[in-house]
All heavy atoms as atom14 arrays in JSON, in Angstrom:
{
  "sequence": "AVLFLLVAQPSVAQTPAPSAARKLPAPVIAVVDFKRVVRESSAGQ",
  "atom14_mask": [
    [1, 1, 1, 1, 1, 0, 0, 0, 0, 0, 0, 0, 0, 0],
    [1, 1, 1, 1, 1, 1, 1, 0, 0, 0, 0, 0, 0, 0],
    [1, 1, 1, 1, 1, 1, 1, 1, 0, 0, 0, 0, 0, 0],
    [1, 1, 1, 1, 1, 1, 1, 1, 1, 1, 1, 0, 0, 0],
    [1, 1, 1, 1, 1, 1, 1, 1, 0, 0, 0, 0, 0, 0],
    [1, 1, 1, 1, 1, 1, 1, 1, 0, 0, 0, 0, 0, 0],
    [1, 1, 1, 1, 1, 1, 1, 0, 0, 0, 0, 0, 0, 0],
    [1, 1, 1, 1, 1, 0, 0, 0, 0, 0, 0, 0, 0, 0],
    [1, 1, 1, 1, 1, 1, 1, 1, 1, 0, 0, 0, 0, 0],
    [1, 1, 1, 1, 1, 1, 1, 0, 0, 0, 0, 0, 0, 0],
    [1, 1, 1, 1, 1, 1, 0, 0, 0, 0, 0, 0, 0, 0],
    [1, 1, 1, 1, 1, 1, 1, 0, 0, 0, 0, 0, 0, 0],
    [1, 1, 1, 1, 1, 0, 0, 0, 0, 0, 0, 0, 0, 0],
    [1, 1, 1, 1, 1, 1, 1, 1, 1, 0, 0, 0, 0, 0],
    [1, 1, 1, 1, 1, 1, 1, 0, 0, 0, 0, 0, 0, 0],
    [1, 1, 1, 1, 1, 1, 1, 0, 0, 0, 0, 0, 0, 0],
    [1, 1, 1, 1, 1, 0, 0, 0, 0, 0, 0, 0, 0, 0],
    [1, 1, 1, 1, 1, 1, 1, 0, 0, 0, 0, 0, 0, 0],
    [1, 1, 1, 1, 1, 1, 0, 0, 0, 0, 0, 0, 0, 0],
    [1, 1, 1, 1, 1, 0, 0, 0, 0, 0, 0, 0, 0, 0],
    [1, 1, 1, 1, 1, 0, 0, 0, 0, 0, 0, 0, 0, 0],
    [1, 1, 1, 1, 1, 1, 1, 1, 1, 1, 1, 0, 0, 0],
    [1, 1, 1, 1, 1, 1, 1, 1, 1, 0, 0, 0, 0, 0],
    [1, 1, 1, 1, 1, 1, 1, 1, 0, 0, 0, 0, 0, 0],
    [1, 1, 1, 1, 1, 1, 1, 0, 0, 0, 0, 0, 0, 0],
    [1, 1, 1, 1, 1, 0, 0, 0, 0, 0, 0, 0, 0, 0],
    [1, 1, 1, 1, 1, 1, 1, 0, 0, 0, 0, 0, 0, 0],
    [1, 1, 1, 1, 1, 1, 1, 0, 0, 0, 0, 0, 0, 0],
    [1, 1, 1, 1, 1, 1, 1, 1, 0, 0, 0, 0, 0, 0],
    [1, 1, 1, 1, 1, 0, 0, 0, 0, 0, 0, 0, 0, 0],
    [1, 1, 1, 1, 1, 1, 1, 0, 0, 0, 0, 0, 0, 0],
    [1, 1, 1, 1, 1, 1, 1, 0, 0, 0, 0, 0, 0, 0],
    [1, 1, 1, 1, 1, 1, 1, 1, 0, 0, 0, 0, 0, 0],
    [1, 1, 1, 1, 1, 1, 1, 1, 1, 1, 1, 0, 0, 0],
    [1, 1, 1, 1, 1, 1, 1, 1, 1, 0, 0, 0, 0, 0],
    [1, 1, 1, 1, 1, 1, 1, 1, 1, 1, 1, 0, 0, 0],
    [1, 1, 1, 1, 1, 1, 1, 0, 0, 0, 0, 0, 0, 0],
    [1, 1, 1, 1, 1, 1, 1, 0, 0, 0, 0, 0, 0, 0],
    [1, 1, 1, 1, 1, 1, 1, 1, 1, 1, 1, 0, 0, 0],
    [1, 1, 1, 1, 1, 1, 1, 1, 1, 0, 0, 0, 0, 0],
    [1, 1, 1, 1, 1, 1, 0, 0, 0, 0, 0, 0, 0, 0],
    [1, 1, 1, 1, 1, 1, 0, 0, 0, 0, 0, 0, 0, 0],
    [1, 1, 1, 1, 1, 0, 0, 0, 0, 0, 0, 0, 0, 0],
    [1, 1, 1, 1, 0, 0, 0, 0, 0, 0, 0, 0, 0, 0],
    [1, 1, 1, 1, 1, 1, 1, 1, 1, 0, 0, 0, 0, 0]
  ],
  "atom14_positions": [
    [[-21.89, 230.6, 363.87], [-22.94, 229.75, 364.45], [-23.94, 229.35, 363.4], [-24.39, 228.21, 363.33], [-23.61, 230.49, 365.61], [0.0, 0.0, 0.0], [0.0, 0.0, 0.0], [0.0, 0.0, 0.0], [0.0, 0.0, 0.0], [0.0, 0.0, 0.0], [0.0, 0.0, 0.0], [0.0, 0.0, 0.0], [0.0, 0.0, 0.0], [0.0, 0.0, 0.0]],
    [[-24.33, 230.31, 362.53], [-25.3, 230.0, 361.47], [-24.72, 228.99, 360.51], [-25.37, 228.03, 360.09], [-25.71, 231.29, 360.73], [-26.54, 230.97, 359.52], [-26.48, 232.21, 361.68], [0.0, 0.0, 0.0], [0.0, 0.0, 0.0], [0.0, 0.0, 0.0], [0.0, 0.0, 0.0], [0.0, 0.0, 0.0], [0.0, 0.0, 0.0], [0.0, 0.0, 0.0]],
    [[-23.42, 229.17, 360.15], [-22.77, 228.23, 359.23], [-22.71, 226.85, 359.85], [-22.95, 225.85, 359.19], [-21.36, 228.73, 358.91], [-20.52, 227.84, 357.99], [-21.21, 227.7, 356.64], [-19.12, 228.42, 357.82], [0.0, 0.0, 0.0], [0.0, 0.0, 0.0], [0.0, 0.0, 0.0], [0.0, 0.0, 0.0], [0.0, 0.0, 0.0], [0.0, 0.0, 0.0]],
    [[-22.43, 226.79, 361.15], [-22.38, 225.51, 361.84], [-23.73, 224.81, 361.81], [-23.82, 223.6, 361.58], [-21.92, 225.71, 363.28], [-21.98, 224.45, 364.11], [-20.99, 223.47, 363.98], [-23.04, 224.25, 364.99], [-21.07, 222.32, 364.75], [-23.1, 223.09, 365.73], [-22.11, 222.12, 365.62], [0.0, 0.0, 0.0], [0.0, 0.0, 0.0], [0.0, 0.0, 0.0]],
    [[-24.77, 225.57, 362.02], [-26.1, 224.98, 362.01], [-26.46, 224.44, 360.63], [-27.05, 223.38, 360.48], [-27.14, 226.03, 362.46], [-27.08, 226.42, 363.94], [-28.07, 227.55, 364.22], [-27.39, 225.21, 364.83], [0.0, 0.0, 0.0], [0.0, 0.0, 0.0], [0.0, 0.0, 0.0], [0.0, 0.0, 0.0], [0.0, 0.0, 0.0], [0.0, 0.0, 0.0]],
    [[-26.05, 225.2, 359.59], [-26.37, 224.76, 358.23], [-25.61, 223.48, 357.88], [-26.14, 222.59, 357.23], [-26.02, 225.86, 357.23], [-26.9, 227.11, 357.28], [-26.36, 228.17, 356.31], [-28.34, 226.76, 356.94], [0.0, 0.0, 0.0], [0.0, 0.0, 0.0], [0.0, 0.0, 0.0], [0.0, 0.0, 0.0], [0.0, 0.0, 0.0], [0.0, 0.0, 0.0]],
    [[-24.35, 223.4, 358.35], [-23.55, 222.22, 358.04], [-23.96, 221.04, 358.9], [-24.0, 219.9, 358.47], [-22.05, 222.53, 358.24], [-21.21, 221.28, 358.08], [-21.62, 223.61, 357.26], [0.0, 0.0, 0.0], [0.0, 0.0, 0.0], [0.0, 0.0, 0.0], [0.0, 0.0, 0.0], [0.0, 0.0, 0.0], [0.0, 0.0, 0.0], [0.0, 0.0, 0.0]],
    [[-24.29, 221.32, 360.15], [-24.59, 220.23, 361.08], [-25.91, 219.57, 360.8], [-26.11, 218.4, 361.1], [-24.55, 220.76, 362.51], [0.0, 0.0, 0.0], [0.0, 0.0, 0.0], [0.0, 0.0, 0.0], [0.0, 0.0, 0.0], [0.0, 0.0, 0.0], [0.0, 0.0, 0.0], [0.0, 0.0, 0.0], [0.0, 0.0, 0.0], [0.0, 0.0, 0.0]],
    [[-26.86, 220.31, 360.22], [-28.18, 219.73, 360.0], [-28.1, 218.69, 358.89], [-27.43, 218.89, 357.87], [-29.18, 220.83, 359.61], [-29.56, 221.74, 360.76], [-30.55, 222.8, 360.3], [-30.77, 222.93, 359.11], [-31.12, 223.52, 361.24], [0.0, 0.0, 0.0], [0.0, 0.0, 0.0], [0.0, 0.0, 0.0], [0.0, 0.0, 0.0], [0.0, 0.0, 0.0]],
    [[-28.74, 217.56, 359.08], [-28.71, 216.51, 358.04], [-29.4, 217.02, 356.78], [-30.44, 217.66, 356.83], [-29.47, 215.34, 358.69], [-30.34, 215.98, 359.73], [-29.57, 217.16, 360.24], [0.0, 0.0, 0.0], [0.0, 0.0, 0.0], [0.0, 0.0, 0.0], [0.0, 0.0, 0.0], [0.0, 0.0, 0.0], [0.0, 0.0, 0.0], [0.0, 0.0, 0.0]],
    [[-28.75, 216.76, 355.61], [-29.32, 217.2, 354.33], [-30.45, 216.28, 353.92], [-30.42, 215.08, 354.17], [-28.24, 217.21, 353.25], [-27.69, 215.9, 353.09], [0.0, 0.0, 0.0], [0.0, 0.0, 0.0], [0.0, 0.0, 0.0], [0.0, 0.0, 0.0], [0.0, 0.0, 0.0], [0.0, 0.0, 0.0], [0.0, 0.0, 0.0], [0.0, 0.0, 0.0]],
    [[-31.43, 216.83, 353.31], [-32.59, 216.07, 352.83], [-32.39, 215.81, 351.35], [-32.29, 216.75, 350.55], [-33.9, 216.84, 353.07], [-35.09, 216.04, 352.54], [-34.05, 217.15, 354.55], [0.0, 0.0, 0.0], [0.0, 0.0, 0.0], [0.0, 0.0, 0.0], [0.0, 0.0, 0.0], [0.0, 0.0, 0.0], [0.0, 0.0, 0.0], [0.0, 0.0, 0.0]],
    [[-32.24, 214.54, 350.95], [-32.01, 214.18, 349.55], [-33.22, 214.55, 348.71], [-34.36, 214.33, 349.11], [-31.72, 212.68, 349.43], [0.0, 0.0, 0.0], [0.0, 0.0, 0.0], [0.0, 0.0, 0.0], [0.0, 0.0, 0.0], [0.0, 0.0, 0.0], [0.0, 0.0, 0.0], [0.0, 0.0, 0.0], [0.0, 0.0, 0.0], [0.0, 0.0, 0.0]],
    [[-32.92, 215.14, 347.57], [-33.98, 215.5, 346.64], [-34.32, 214.27, 345.79], [-33.55, 213.86, 344.94], [-33.51, 216.64, 345.74], [-33.23, 217.94, 346.48], [-34.51, 218.53, 347.05], [-35.58, 218.35, 346.48], [-34.39, 219.21, 348.18], [0.0, 0.0, 0.0], [0.0, 0.0, 0.0], [0.0, 0.0, 0.0], [0.0, 0.0, 0.0], [0.0, 0.0, 0.0]],
    [[-35.4, 213.66, 346.06], [-35.82, 212.45, 345.31], [-36.6, 212.88, 344.08], [-37.66, 213.52, 344.19], [-36.71, 211.56, 346.19], [-35.99, 211.24, 347.39], [-37.09, 210.29, 345.44], [0.0, 0.0, 0.0], [0.0, 0.0, 0.0], [0.0, 0.0, 0.0], [0.0, 0.0, 0.0], [0.0, 0.0, 0.0], [0.0, 0.0, 0.0], [0.0, 0.0, 0.0]],
    [[-36.05, 212.59, 342.89], [-36.76, 213.0, 341.67], [-38.08, 212.26, 341.54], [-38.23, 211.11, 341.95], [-35.79, 212.6, 340.55], [-34.96, 211.5, 341.14], [-34.84, 211.82, 342.59], [0.0, 0.0, 0.0], [0.0, 0.0, 0.0], [0.0, 0.0, 0.0], [0.0, 0.0, 0.0], [0.0, 0.0, 0.0], [0.0, 0.0, 0.0], [0.0, 0.0, 0.0]],
    [[-39.02, 212.96, 340.98], [-40.32, 212.35, 340.77], [-40.19, 211.23, 339.75], [-39.48, 211.39, 338.76], [-41.32, 213.4, 340.29], [0.0, 0.0, 0.0], [0.0, 0.0, 0.0], [0.0, 0.0, 0.0], [0.0, 0.0, 0.0], [0.0, 0.0, 0.0], [0.0, 0.0, 0.0], [0.0, 0.0, 0.0], [0.0, 0.0, 0.0], [0.0, 0.0, 0.0]],
    [[-40.81, 210.11, 340.01], [-40.7, 209.0, 339.06], [-41.26, 209.42, 337.7], [-42.34, 209.98, 337.6], [-41.53, 207.9, 339.71], [-42.46, 208.61, 340.65], [-41.7, 209.81, 341.14], [0.0, 0.0, 0.0], [0.0, 0.0, 0.0], [0.0, 0.0, 0.0], [0.0, 0.0, 0.0], [0.0, 0.0, 0.0], [0.0, 0.0, 0.0], [0.0, 0.0, 0.0]],
    [[-40.43, 209.13, 336.65], [-40.89, 209.47, 335.3], [-41.95, 208.49, 334.85], [-41.95, 207.32, 335.24], [-39.71, 209.44, 334.32], [-39.12, 208.15, 334.33], [0.0, 0.0, 0.0], [0.0, 0.0, 0.0], [0.0, 0.0, 0.0], [0.0, 0.0, 0.0], [0.0, 0.0, 0.0], [0.0, 0.0, 0.0], [0.0, 0.0, 0.0], [0.0, 0.0, 0.0]],
    [[-42.81, 208.99, 334.03], [-43.88, 208.13, 333.53], [-43.29, 207.03, 332.66], [-42.36, 207.26, 331.9], [-44.88, 208.97, 332.73], [0.0, 0.0, 0.0], [0.0, 0.0, 0.0], [0.0, 0.0, 0.0], [0.0, 0.0, 0.0], [0.0, 0.0, 0.0], [0.0, 0.0, 0.0], [0.0, 0.0, 0.0], [0.0, 0.0, 0.0], [0.0, 0.0, 0.0]],
    [[-43.8, 205.83, 332.77], [-43.32, 204.7, 331.98], [-43.54, 204.98, 330.51], [-44.59, 205.46, 330.09], [-44.04, 203.42, 332.41], [0.0, 0.0, 0.0], [0.0, 0.0, 0.0], [0.0, 0.0, 0.0], [0.0, 0.0, 0.0], [0.0, 0.0, 0.0], [0.0, 0.0, 0.0], [0.0, 0.0, 0.0], [0.0, 0.0, 0.0], [0.0, 0.0, 0.0]],
    [[-42.49, 204.68, 329.7], [-42.59, 204.91, 328.26], [-43.56, 203.91, 327.64], [-43.48, 202.71, 327.9], [-41.22, 204.77, 327.62], [-41.22, 204.99, 326.11], [-39.85, 204.72, 325.53], [-39.84, 204.85, 324.09], [-38.85, 204.46, 323.32], [-37.79, 203.91, 323.89], [-38.9, 204.61, 322.02], [0.0, 0.0, 0.0], [0.0, 0.0, 0.0], [0.0, 0.0, 0.0]],
    [[-44.44, 204.4, 326.83], [-45.41, 203.54, 326.16], [-45.14, 203.56, 324.66], [-45.08, 204.62, 324.05], [-46.84, 204.0, 326.45], [-47.26, 203.84, 327.9], [-48.72, 204.24, 328.09], [-49.14, 204.04, 329.54], [-50.57, 204.43, 329.76], [0.0, 0.0, 0.0], [0.0, 0.0, 0.0], [0.0, 0.0, 0.0], [0.0, 0.0, 0.0], [0.0, 0.0, 0.0]],
    [[-44.94, 202.37, 324.11], [-44.71, 202.27, 322.69], [-46.04, 202.25, 321.95], [-47.04, 201.71, 322.43], [-43.93, 200.99, 322.36], [-42.53, 200.89, 322.95], [-41.92, 199.53, 322.62], [-41.65, 202.0, 322.42], [0.0, 0.0, 0.0], [0.0, 0.0, 0.0], [0.0, 0.0, 0.0], [0.0, 0.0, 0.0], [0.0, 0.0, 0.0], [0.0, 0.0, 0.0]],
    [[-46.06, 202.83, 320.75], [-47.31, 202.81, 319.98], [-47.6, 201.42, 319.46], [-46.7, 200.58, 319.31], [-47.01, 203.78, 318.83], [-45.53, 203.72, 318.66], [-44.97, 203.55, 320.04], [0.0, 0.0, 0.0], [0.0, 0.0, 0.0], [0.0, 0.0, 0.0], [0.0, 0.0, 0.0], [0.0, 0.0, 0.0], [0.0, 0.0, 0.0], [0.0, 0.0, 0.0]],
    [[-48.84, 201.16, 319.2], [-49.21, 199.88, 318.61], [-48.62, 199.79, 317.21], [-48.63, 200.76, 316.46], [-50.74, 199.76, 318.54], [0.0, 0.0, 0.0], [0.0, 0.0, 0.0], [0.0, 0.0, 0.0], [0.0, 0.0, 0.0], [0.0, 0.0, 0.0], [0.0, 0.0, 0.0], [0.0, 0.0, 0.0], [0.0, 0.0, 0.0], [0.0, 0.0, 0.0]],
    [[-48.04, 198.65, 316.85], [-47.41, 198.54, 315.54], [-48.42, 198.61, 314.4], [-49.46, 197.95, 314.44], [-46.72, 197.17, 315.6], [-47.48, 196.4, 316.62], [-47.94, 197.4, 317.63], [0.0, 0.0, 0.0], [0.0, 0.0, 0.0], [0.0, 0.0, 0.0], [0.0, 0.0, 0.0], [0.0, 0.0, 0.0], [0.0, 0.0, 0.0], [0.0, 0.0, 0.0]],
    [[-48.09, 199.41, 313.42], [-48.86, 199.47, 312.17], [-47.89, 199.04, 311.08], [-46.96, 199.77, 310.75], [-49.41, 200.87, 311.91], [-50.22, 200.9, 310.62], [-50.25, 201.36, 313.09], [0.0, 0.0, 0.0], [0.0, 0.0, 0.0], [0.0, 0.0, 0.0], [0.0, 0.0, 0.0], [0.0, 0.0, 0.0], [0.0, 0.0, 0.0], [0.0, 0.0, 0.0]],
    [[-48.1, 197.87, 310.53], [-47.09, 197.2, 309.71], [-47.36, 197.4, 308.22], [-48.5, 197.35, 307.76], [-47.03, 195.7, 310.04], [-46.7, 195.51, 311.53], [-46.03, 194.97, 309.18], [-46.8, 194.08, 312.0], [0.0, 0.0, 0.0], [0.0, 0.0, 0.0], [0.0, 0.0, 0.0], [0.0, 0.0, 0.0], [0.0, 0.0, 0.0], [0.0, 0.0, 0.0]],
    [[-46.25, 197.61, 307.5], [-46.27, 197.57, 306.04], [-45.21, 196.57, 305.6], [-44.22, 196.35, 306.3], [-45.99, 198.95, 305.44], [0.0, 0.0, 0.0], [0.0, 0.0, 0.0], [0.0, 0.0, 0.0], [0.0, 0.0, 0.0], [0.0, 0.0, 0.0], [0.0, 0.0, 0.0], [0.0, 0.0, 0.0], [0.0, 0.0, 0.0], [0.0, 0.0, 0.0]],
    [[-45.42, 195.96, 304.45], [-44.52, 194.91, 303.96], [-44.04, 195.3, 302.57], [-44.81, 195.76, 301.73], [-45.24, 193.55, 303.91], [-44.31, 192.47, 303.36], [-45.75, 193.17, 305.3], [0.0, 0.0, 0.0], [0.0, 0.0, 0.0], [0.0, 0.0, 0.0], [0.0, 0.0, 0.0], [0.0, 0.0, 0.0], [0.0, 0.0, 0.0], [0.0, 0.0, 0.0]],
    [[-42.73, 195.11, 302.33], [-42.16, 195.43, 301.03], [-41.15, 194.36, 300.64], [-40.46, 193.81, 301.5], [-41.49, 196.82, 301.04], [-40.29, 196.84, 301.97], [-41.08, 197.26, 299.64], [0.0, 0.0, 0.0], [0.0, 0.0, 0.0], [0.0, 0.0, 0.0], [0.0, 0.0, 0.0], [0.0, 0.0, 0.0], [0.0, 0.0, 0.0], [0.0, 0.0, 0.0]],
    [[-41.09, 194.06, 299.37], [-40.06, 193.17, 298.83], [-38.95, 194.08, 298.31], [-38.94, 194.49, 297.15], [-40.62, 192.29, 297.72], [-39.65, 191.2, 297.27], [-38.43, 191.38, 297.5], [-40.09, 190.2, 296.7], [0.0, 0.0, 0.0], [0.0, 0.0, 0.0], [0.0, 0.0, 0.0], [0.0, 0.0, 0.0], [0.0, 0.0, 0.0], [0.0, 0.0, 0.0]],
    [[-38.01, 194.4, 299.18], [-37.02, 195.43, 298.89], [-36.14, 195.05, 297.7], [-35.95, 195.85, 296.77], [-36.15, 195.65, 300.14], [-35.36, 196.92, 300.11], [-35.91, 198.1, 300.59], [-34.06, 196.94, 299.62], [-35.17, 199.28, 300.57], [-33.32, 198.1, 299.61], [-33.88, 199.28, 300.08], [0.0, 0.0, 0.0], [0.0, 0.0, 0.0], [0.0, 0.0, 0.0]],
    [[-35.59, 193.85, 297.69], [-34.7, 193.44, 296.62], [-35.42, 193.36, 295.28], [-34.83, 193.65, 294.23], [-34.07, 192.08, 296.96], [-33.05, 192.14, 298.07], [-31.87, 193.01, 297.66], [-30.8, 193.03, 298.74], [-29.67, 193.91, 298.38], [0.0, 0.0, 0.0], [0.0, 0.0, 0.0], [0.0, 0.0, 0.0], [0.0, 0.0, 0.0], [0.0, 0.0, 0.0]],
    [[-36.67, 192.97, 295.3], [-37.43, 192.91, 294.05], [-37.59, 194.3, 293.45], [-37.43, 194.5, 292.24], [-38.8, 192.29, 294.29], [-39.67, 192.25, 293.02], [-41.1, 191.95, 293.34], [-41.98, 192.39, 292.26], [-43.28, 192.56, 292.39], [-43.87, 192.34, 293.55], [-44.0, 192.97, 291.37], [0.0, 0.0, 0.0], [0.0, 0.0, 0.0], [0.0, 0.0, 0.0]],
    [[-37.88, 195.28, 294.29], [-38.03, 196.65, 293.79], [-36.7, 197.14, 293.22], [-36.66, 197.75, 292.14], [-38.52, 197.59, 294.91], [-38.6, 199.02, 294.4], [-39.88, 197.14, 295.43], [0.0, 0.0, 0.0], [0.0, 0.0, 0.0], [0.0, 0.0, 0.0], [0.0, 0.0, 0.0], [0.0, 0.0, 0.0], [0.0, 0.0, 0.0], [0.0, 0.0, 0.0]],
    [[-35.62, 196.89, 293.93], [-34.3, 197.32, 293.43], [-34.01, 196.68, 292.08], [-33.57, 197.34, 291.13], [-33.2, 196.95, 294.44], [-31.82, 197.2, 293.85], [-33.37, 197.76, 295.72], [0.0, 0.0, 0.0], [0.0, 0.0, 0.0], [0.0, 0.0, 0.0], [0.0, 0.0, 0.0], [0.0, 0.0, 0.0], [0.0, 0.0, 0.0], [0.0, 0.0, 0.0]],
    [[-34.27, 195.4, 291.97], [-33.93, 194.65, 290.76], [-34.84, 195.0, 289.59], [-34.38, 195.15, 288.44], [-34.0, 193.15, 291.05], [-33.62, 192.26, 289.89], [-33.7, 190.8, 290.28], [-35.08, 190.4, 290.61], [-35.51, 190.16, 291.83], [-34.71, 190.3, 292.87], [-36.77, 189.79, 292.05], [0.0, 0.0, 0.0], [0.0, 0.0, 0.0], [0.0, 0.0, 0.0]],
    [[-36.15, 195.16, 289.83], [-37.1, 195.34, 288.75], [-37.43, 196.81, 288.47], [-38.16, 197.1, 287.51], [-38.39, 194.59, 289.07], [-38.2, 193.08, 289.19], [-39.5, 192.35, 289.47], [-40.57, 193.01, 289.46], [-39.44, 191.13, 289.69], [0.0, 0.0, 0.0], [0.0, 0.0, 0.0], [0.0, 0.0, 0.0], [0.0, 0.0, 0.0], [0.0, 0.0, 0.0]],
    [[-36.91, 197.72, 289.25], [-37.18, 199.14, 289.0], [-36.52, 199.58, 287.7], [-35.64, 198.9, 287.15], [-36.64, 199.98, 290.16], [-35.21, 199.89, 290.21], [0.0, 0.0, 0.0], [0.0, 0.0, 0.0], [0.0, 0.0, 0.0], [0.0, 0.0, 0.0], [0.0, 0.0, 0.0], [0.0, 0.0, 0.0], [0.0, 0.0, 0.0], [0.0, 0.0, 0.0]],
    [[-36.94, 200.73, 287.2], [-36.36, 201.25, 285.96], [-34.86, 201.46, 286.11], [-34.07, 201.12, 285.21], [-37.05, 202.57, 285.59], [-38.43, 202.38, 285.35], [0.0, 0.0, 0.0], [0.0, 0.0, 0.0], [0.0, 0.0, 0.0], [0.0, 0.0, 0.0], [0.0, 0.0, 0.0], [0.0, 0.0, 0.0], [0.0, 0.0, 0.0], [0.0, 0.0, 0.0]],
    [[-34.45, 202.02, 287.24], [-33.03, 202.27, 287.47], [-32.26, 200.96, 287.59], [-31.16, 200.81, 287.04], [-32.84, 203.11, 288.73], [0.0, 0.0, 0.0], [0.0, 0.0, 0.0], [0.0, 0.0, 0.0], [0.0, 0.0, 0.0], [0.0, 0.0, 0.0], [0.0, 0.0, 0.0], [0.0, 0.0, 0.0], [0.0, 0.0, 0.0], [0.0, 0.0, 0.0]],
    [[-32.83, 199.99, 288.31], [-32.17, 198.71, 288.47], [-32.0, 197.99, 287.15], [-30.93, 197.42, 286.86], [0.0, 0.0, 0.0], [0.0, 0.0, 0.0], [0.0, 0.0, 0.0], [0.0, 0.0, 0.0], [0.0, 0.0, 0.0], [0.0, 0.0, 0.0], [0.0, 0.0, 0.0], [0.0, 0.0, 0.0], [0.0, 0.0, 0.0], [0.0, 0.0, 0.0]],
    [[-33.04, 198.0, 286.32], [-32.96, 197.38, 285.0], [-31.95, 198.09, 284.11], [-31.23, 197.46, 283.34], [-34.34, 197.38, 284.34], [-35.33, 196.41, 284.97], [-34.9, 194.96, 284.79], [-34.71, 194.5, 283.66], [-34.75, 194.26, 285.89], [0.0, 0.0, 0.0], [0.0, 0.0, 0.0], [0.0, 0.0, 0.0], [0.0, 0.0, 0.0], [0.0, 0.0, 0.0]]
  ]
}
């Protein structure tokens, strides 16, 4: 009887808590002339 009651009762879905929206950091930019460094570096020369 107990097993029947457990099976017969409608299951309650476990709704996961909404995850916090991902926030990207503000861009902090640096600029490099990559090929120039490769070409003009001591090793490149």
